[in-house]
Amino acid sequence: MISARTSVFADLQLMPAAVRWTAAAAAAAIAAVGVSAIVIAADVAFRSHLTADYVAQYTSALMPRIGFRILASAFEEVKWRLGLMTLLIGVARLALGRRPPDWFFIGVIAFVQVCNVADGLVAAPVYGTLRFFLPGGVWGWLYWRHGWLTALAAHAGCHLIIDPALLIVLS
């Protein structure tokens, strides 16, 4: 019984294994650039649907905002991936007696994140998918495959690209 309890979270890790740091760093960089490109393109394409508050938020002064966004991304990673995703995977592993399918929990966490963040932001479901669901799924996949620190680094790094770019394209 003890060994079953200790193996509930066996598939999850805070950091990538020593031999996988290079792969994790590459995955984080590719994810940060790719997600940033998609978010920026979505904001440009759906500019007429964005609320005035959203536009004002991303066209405000960069320096205090980017620091806040990086801290907020860290909080989201603690809340969604390290908290809820870890809990759901542990419960599912206990219930199923095996590792749950990758896509299921990544999708669940991304969906919950979309419902929480996108509520009232925009009426276009395609935009919500591109802006919140897809990134949440990417961060969940990074956590599942490369560890929580990789997802955190990619998510925070994404704002180093998104925030300056949105300041330019939304102004």
C-alpha atoms as a PDB file:
ATOM      1  CA  MET A   1       0.000   0.000   0.000  1.00  0.00           C
ATOM      2  CA  ILE A   2       2.804   2.442   0.767  1.00  0.00           C
ATOM      3  CA  SER A   3       4.440   1.881  -2.618  1.00  0.00           C
ATOM      4  CA  ALA A   4       1.117   2.534  -4.399  1.00  0.00           C
ATOM      5  CA  ARG A   5       0.770   5.859  -2.611  1.00  0.00           C
ATOM      6  CA  THR A   6       4.306   6.962  -3.375  1.00  0.00           C
ATOM      7  CA  SER A   7       3.918   6.131  -7.061  1.00  0.00           C
ATOM      8  CA  VAL A   8       0.722   8.177  -7.547  1.00  0.00           C
ATOM      9  CA  PHE A   9       2.733  11.165  -8.751  1.00  0.00           C
ATOM     10  CA  ALA A  10       5.584   9.176 -10.294  1.00  0.00           C
ATOM     11  CA  ASP A  11       5.024  10.629 -13.768  1.00  0.00           C
ATOM     12  CA  LEU A  12       5.223  14.225 -12.585  1.00  0.00           C
ATOM     13  CA  GLN A  13       8.394  16.088 -11.787  1.00  0.00           C
ATOM     14  CA  LEU A  14       9.432  19.572 -10.766  1.00  0.00           C
ATOM     15  CA  MET A  15      12.543  19.625 -12.931  1.00  0.00           C
ATOM     16  CA  PRO A  16      13.644  17.579 -15.912  1.00  0.00           C
ATOM     17  CA  ALA A  17      16.041  14.732 -15.279  1.00  0.00           C
ATOM     18  CA  ALA A  18      19.716  15.709 -15.574  1.00  0.00           C
ATOM     19  CA  VAL A  19      20.043  14.024 -18.966  1.00  0.00           C
ATOM     20  CA  ARG A  20      16.997  15.871 -20.316  1.00  0.00           C
ATOM     21  CA  TRP A  21      17.869  19.517 -19.520  1.00  0.00           C
ATOM     22  CA  THR A  22      18.821  20.302 -23.107  1.00  0.00           C
ATOM     23  CA  ALA A  23      15.605  18.844 -24.499  1.00  0.00           C
ATOM     24  CA  ALA A  24      13.561  20.642 -21.826  1.00  0.00           C
ATOM     25  CA  ALA A  25      15.238  23.987 -22.539  1.00  0.00           C
ATOM     26  CA  ALA A  26      14.679  23.570 -26.273  1.00  0.00           C
ATOM     27  CA  ALA A  27      11.029  22.617 -25.731  1.00  0.00           C
ATOM     28  CA  ALA A  28      10.500  25.636 -23.452  1.00  0.00           C
ATOM     29  CA  ALA A  29      12.070  28.032 -25.959  1.00  0.00           C
ATOM     30  CA  ILE A  30      10.121  26.634 -28.912  1.00  0.00           C
ATOM     31  CA  ALA A  31       6.888  26.696 -26.907  1.00  0.00           C
ATOM     32  CA  ALA A  32       7.437  30.282 -25.718  1.00  0.00           C
ATOM     33  CA  VAL A  33       8.128  31.548 -29.242  1.00  0.00           C
ATOM     34  CA  GLY A  34       5.332  29.510 -30.828  1.00  0.00           C
ATOM     35  CA  VAL A  35       2.684  30.444 -28.263  1.00  0.00           C
ATOM     36  CA  SER A  36       3.758  34.082 -28.424  1.00  0.00           C
ATOM     37  CA  ALA A  37       3.370  34.123 -32.201  1.00  0.00           C
ATOM     38  CA  ILE A  38      -0.104  32.595 -31.971  1.00  0.00           C
ATOM     39  CA  VAL A  39      -1.267  34.982 -29.228  1.00  0.00           C
ATOM     40  CA  ILE A  40       0.055  38.042 -31.060  1.00  0.00           C
ATOM     41  CA  ALA A  41      -1.563  36.910 -34.327  1.00  0.00           C
ATOM     42  CA  ALA A  42      -4.863  36.235 -32.514  1.00  0.00           C
ATOM     43  CA  ASP A  43      -4.842  39.689 -30.908  1.00  0.00           C
ATOM     44  CA  VAL A  44      -4.196  41.315 -34.276  1.00  0.00           C
ATOM     45  CA  ALA A  45      -6.837  39.215 -36.062  1.00  0.00           C
ATOM     46  CA  PHE A  46      -9.477  39.744 -33.364  1.00  0.00           C
ATOM     47  CA  ARG A  47      -8.571  43.348 -32.520  1.00  0.00           C
ATOM     48  CA  SER A  48     -12.145  44.537 -33.038  1.00  0.00           C
ATOM     49  CA  HIS A  49     -13.395  41.984 -30.475  1.00  0.00           C
ATOM     50  CA  LEU A  50     -10.953  42.910 -27.718  1.00  0.00           C
ATOM     51  CA  THR A  51     -12.346  44.896 -24.805  1.00  0.00           C
ATOM     52  CA  ALA A  52     -11.084  48.398 -24.097  1.00  0.00           C
ATOM     53  CA  ASP A  53      -9.748  47.184 -20.733  1.00  0.00           C
ATOM     54  CA  TYR A  54      -7.722  44.434 -22.398  1.00  0.00           C
ATOM     55  CA  VAL A  55      -6.204  46.840 -24.919  1.00  0.00           C
ATOM     56  CA  ALA A  56      -5.487  49.411 -22.195  1.00  0.00           C
ATOM     57  CA  GLN A  57      -3.816  46.719 -20.123  1.00  0.00           C
ATOM     58  CA  TYR A  58      -1.427  45.705 -22.900  1.00  0.00           C
ATOM     59  CA  THR A  59      -0.705  49.261 -24.045  1.00  0.00           C
ATOM     60  CA  SER A  60       0.187  50.500 -20.556  1.00  0.00           C
ATOM     61  CA  ALA A  61       3.772  51.108 -19.441  1.00  0.00           C
ATOM     62  CA  LEU A  62       5.852  48.020 -20.179  1.00  0.00           C
ATOM     63  CA  MET A  63       8.140  47.833 -17.175  1.00  0.00           C
ATOM     64  CA  PRO A  64       5.765  47.393 -14.266  1.00  0.00           C
ATOM     65  CA  ARG A  65       3.372  45.373 -16.449  1.00  0.00           C
ATOM     66  CA  ILE A  66       5.882  42.807 -17.705  1.00  0.00           C
ATOM     67  CA  GLY A  67       7.065  42.073 -14.165  1.00  0.00           C
ATOM     68  CA  PHE A  68       3.468  41.624 -13.047  1.00  0.00           C
ATOM     69  CA  ARG A  69       2.727  39.337 -16.021  1.00  0.00           C
ATOM     70  CA  ILE A  70       5.719  37.137 -15.235  1.00  0.00           C
ATOM     71  CA  LEU A  71       4.627  36.851 -11.592  1.00  0.00           C
ATOM     72  CA  ALA A  72       1.047  36.157 -12.695  1.00  0.00           C
ATOM     73  CA  SER A  73       2.265  33.406 -15.034  1.00  0.00           C
ATOM     74  CA  ALA A  74       4.152  31.829 -12.124  1.00  0.00           C
ATOM     75  CA  PHE A  75       0.976  31.952 -10.016  1.00  0.00           C
ATOM     76  CA  GLU A  76      -1.003  30.325 -12.844  1.00  0.00           C
ATOM     77  CA  GLU A  77       1.562  27.548 -13.137  1.00  0.00           C
ATOM     78  CA  VAL A  78       1.341  26.882  -9.397  1.00  0.00           C
ATOM     79  CA  LYS A  79      -2.454  26.975  -9.439  1.00  0.00           C
ATOM     80  CA  TRP A  80      -3.233  25.101 -12.668  1.00  0.00           C
ATOM     81  CA  ARG A  81      -0.338  22.763 -13.338  1.00  0.00           C
ATOM     82  CA  LEU A  82       1.333  22.123  -9.981  1.00  0.00           C
ATOM     83  CA  GLY A  83      -1.955  22.296  -8.080  1.00  0.00           C
ATOM     84  CA  LEU A  84      -4.978  21.150 -10.044  1.00  0.00           C
ATOM     85  CA  MET A  85      -3.282  19.095 -12.750  1.00  0.00           C
ATOM     86  CA  THR A  86      -1.143  17.248 -10.193  1.00  0.00           C
ATOM     87  CA  LEU A  87      -4.188  16.569  -8.033  1.00  0.00           C
ATOM     88  CA  LEU A  88      -6.291  15.284 -10.923  1.00  0.00           C
ATOM     89  CA  ILE A  89      -3.515  13.069 -12.222  1.00  0.00           C
ATOM     90  CA  GLY A  90      -2.951  11.642  -8.737  1.00  0.00           C
ATOM     91  CA  VAL A  91      -6.659  10.931  -8.245  1.00  0.00           C
ATOM     92  CA  ALA A  92      -6.982   9.395 -11.701  1.00  0.00           C
ATOM     93  CA  ARG A  93      -3.918   7.241 -11.141  1.00  0.00           C
ATOM     94  CA  LEU A  94      -5.374   5.957  -7.863  1.00  0.00           C
ATOM     95  CA  ALA A  95      -8.740   5.296  -9.498  1.00  0.00           C
ATOM     96  CA  LEU A  96      -7.384   3.708 -12.687  1.00  0.00           C
ATOM     97  CA  GLY A  97      -4.374   2.002 -11.178  1.00  0.00           C
ATOM     98  CA  ARG A  98      -2.256   3.259 -14.076  1.00  0.00           C
ATOM     99  CA  ARG A  99      -1.058   6.428 -15.734  1.00  0.00           C
ATOM    100  CA  PRO A 100      -3.971   8.402 -17.215  1.00  0.00           C
ATOM    101  CA  PRO A 101      -3.807   9.408 -20.896  1.00  0.00           C
ATOM    102  CA  ASP A 102      -1.668  12.488 -21.582  1.00  0.00           C
ATOM    103  CA  TRP A 103      -4.261  14.416 -23.560  1.00  0.00           C
ATOM    104  CA  PHE A 104      -7.033  14.090 -20.987  1.00  0.00           C
ATOM    105  CA  PHE A 105      -5.537  16.111 -18.165  1.00  0.00           C
ATOM    106  CA  ILE A 106      -3.788  18.605 -20.393  1.00  0.00           C
ATOM    107  CA  GLY A 107      -7.169  19.309 -21.988  1.00  0.00           C
ATOM    108  CA  VAL A 108      -8.982  19.484 -18.646  1.00  0.00           C
ATOM    109  CA  ILE A 109      -6.564  22.014 -17.186  1.00  0.00           C
ATOM    110  CA  ALA A 110      -6.493  24.100 -20.363  1.00  0.00           C
ATOM    111  CA  PHE A 111     -10.309  24.136 -20.459  1.00  0.00           C
ATOM    112  CA  VAL A 112     -10.587  25.146 -16.807  1.00  0.00           C
ATOM    113  CA  GLN A 113      -8.040  27.879 -17.407  1.00  0.00           C
ATOM    114  CA  VAL A 114     -10.004  29.190 -20.398  1.00  0.00           C
ATOM    115  CA  CYS A 115     -13.221  29.266 -18.363  1.00  0.00           C
ATOM    116  CA  ASN A 116     -11.523  31.155 -15.565  1.00  0.00           C
ATOM    117  CA  VAL A 117      -9.465  33.648 -17.573  1.00  0.00           C
ATOM    118  CA  ALA A 118     -11.542  34.274 -20.669  1.00  0.00           C
ATOM    119  CA  ASP A 119     -14.885  34.846 -18.936  1.00  0.00           C
ATOM    120  CA  GLY A 120     -16.263  38.063 -20.337  1.00  0.00           C
ATOM    121  CA  LEU A 121     -13.039  38.943 -22.164  1.00  0.00           C
ATOM    122  CA  VAL A 122     -14.219  38.292 -25.674  1.00  0.00           C
ATOM    123  CA  ALA A 123     -17.235  36.794 -27.402  1.00  0.00           C
ATOM    124  CA  ALA A 124     -15.264  34.973 -30.109  1.00  0.00           C
ATOM    125  CA  PRO A 125     -14.705  31.297 -29.180  1.00  0.00           C
ATOM    126  CA  VAL A 126     -11.938  30.944 -31.780  1.00  0.00           C
ATOM    127  CA  TYR A 127     -10.047  33.748 -30.061  1.00  0.00           C
ATOM    128  CA  GLY A 128     -10.497  32.158 -26.632  1.00  0.00           C
ATOM    129  CA  THR A 129      -9.139  28.905 -28.009  1.00  0.00           C
ATOM    130  CA  LEU A 130      -6.074  30.556 -29.529  1.00  0.00           C
ATOM    131  CA  ARG A 131      -5.422  32.933 -26.648  1.00  0.00           C
ATOM    132  CA  PHE A 132      -6.075  30.684 -23.637  1.00  0.00           C
ATOM    133  CA  PHE A 133      -6.903  27.042 -24.430  1.00  0.00           C
ATOM    134  CA  LEU A 134      -3.966  26.358 -26.734  1.00  0.00           C
ATOM    135  CA  PRO A 135      -1.361  27.997 -24.447  1.00  0.00           C
ATOM    136  CA  GLY A 136      -2.806  26.203 -21.397  1.00  0.00           C
ATOM    137  CA  GLY A 137      -2.502  22.917 -23.250  1.00  0.00           C
ATOM    138  CA  VAL A 138       1.094  23.670 -24.231  1.00  0.00           C
ATOM    139  CA  TRP A 139       2.058  24.522 -20.641  1.00  0.00           C
ATOM    140  CA  GLY A 140       0.318  21.344 -19.438  1.00  0.00           C
ATOM    141  CA  TRP A 141       2.174  19.270 -22.004  1.00  0.00           C
ATOM    142  CA  LEU A 142       5.502  20.787 -20.956  1.00  0.00           C
ATOM    143  CA  TYR A 143       4.788  19.950 -17.315  1.00  0.00           C
ATOM    144  CA  TRP A 144       3.772  16.403 -18.195  1.00  0.00           C
ATOM    145  CA  ARG A 145       6.796  15.766 -20.437  1.00  0.00           C
ATOM    146  CA  HIS A 146       9.603  17.948 -19.060  1.00  0.00           C
ATOM    147  CA  GLY A 147       8.642  19.009 -15.547  1.00  0.00           C
ATOM    148  CA  TRP A 148       6.939  21.936 -13.891  1.00  0.00           C
ATOM    149  CA  LEU A 149       9.979  24.207 -14.050  1.00  0.00           C
ATOM    150  CA  THR A 150      10.020  23.867 -17.843  1.00  0.00           C
ATOM    151  CA  ALA A 151       6.362  24.895 -18.086  1.00  0.00           C
ATOM    152  CA  LEU A 152       7.025  27.810 -15.744  1.00  0.00           C
ATOM    153  CA  ALA A 153      10.051  28.991 -17.735  1.00  0.00           C
ATOM    154  CA  ALA A 154       8.165  28.804 -21.044  1.00  0.00           C
ATOM    155  CA  HIS A 155       5.065  30.543 -19.701  1.00  0.00           C
ATOM    156  CA  ALA A 156       7.049  33.335 -18.055  1.00  0.00           C
ATOM    157  CA  GLY A 157       9.341  33.625 -21.077  1.00  0.00           C
ATOM    158  CA  CYS A 158       6.312  33.978 -23.312  1.00  0.00           C
ATOM    159  CA  HIS A 159       5.516  37.305 -21.662  1.00  0.00           C
ATOM    160  CA  LEU A 160       8.983  38.608 -22.508  1.00  0.00           C
ATOM    161  CA  ILE A 161       7.856  38.339 -26.133  1.00  0.00           C
ATOM    162  CA  ILE A 162       4.102  38.976 -25.945  1.00  0.00           C
ATOM    163  CA  ASP A 163       4.063  42.085 -23.797  1.00  0.00           C
ATOM    164  CA  PRO A 164       6.476  44.238 -25.850  1.00  0.00           C
ATOM    165  CA  ALA A 165       4.905  43.022 -29.113  1.00  0.00           C
ATOM    166  CA  LEU A 166       1.335  43.784 -27.989  1.00  0.00           C
ATOM    167  CA  LEU A 167       2.420  47.231 -26.846  1.00  0.00           C
ATOM    168  CA  ILE A 168       3.450  47.882 -30.438  1.00  0.00           C
ATOM    169  CA  VAL A 169       0.624  46.168 -32.370  1.00  0.00           C
ATOM    170  CA  LEU A 170      -2.265  47.287 -30.145  1.00  0.00           C
ATOM    171  CA  SER A 171      -1.164  50.929 -29.811  1.00  0.00           C
END
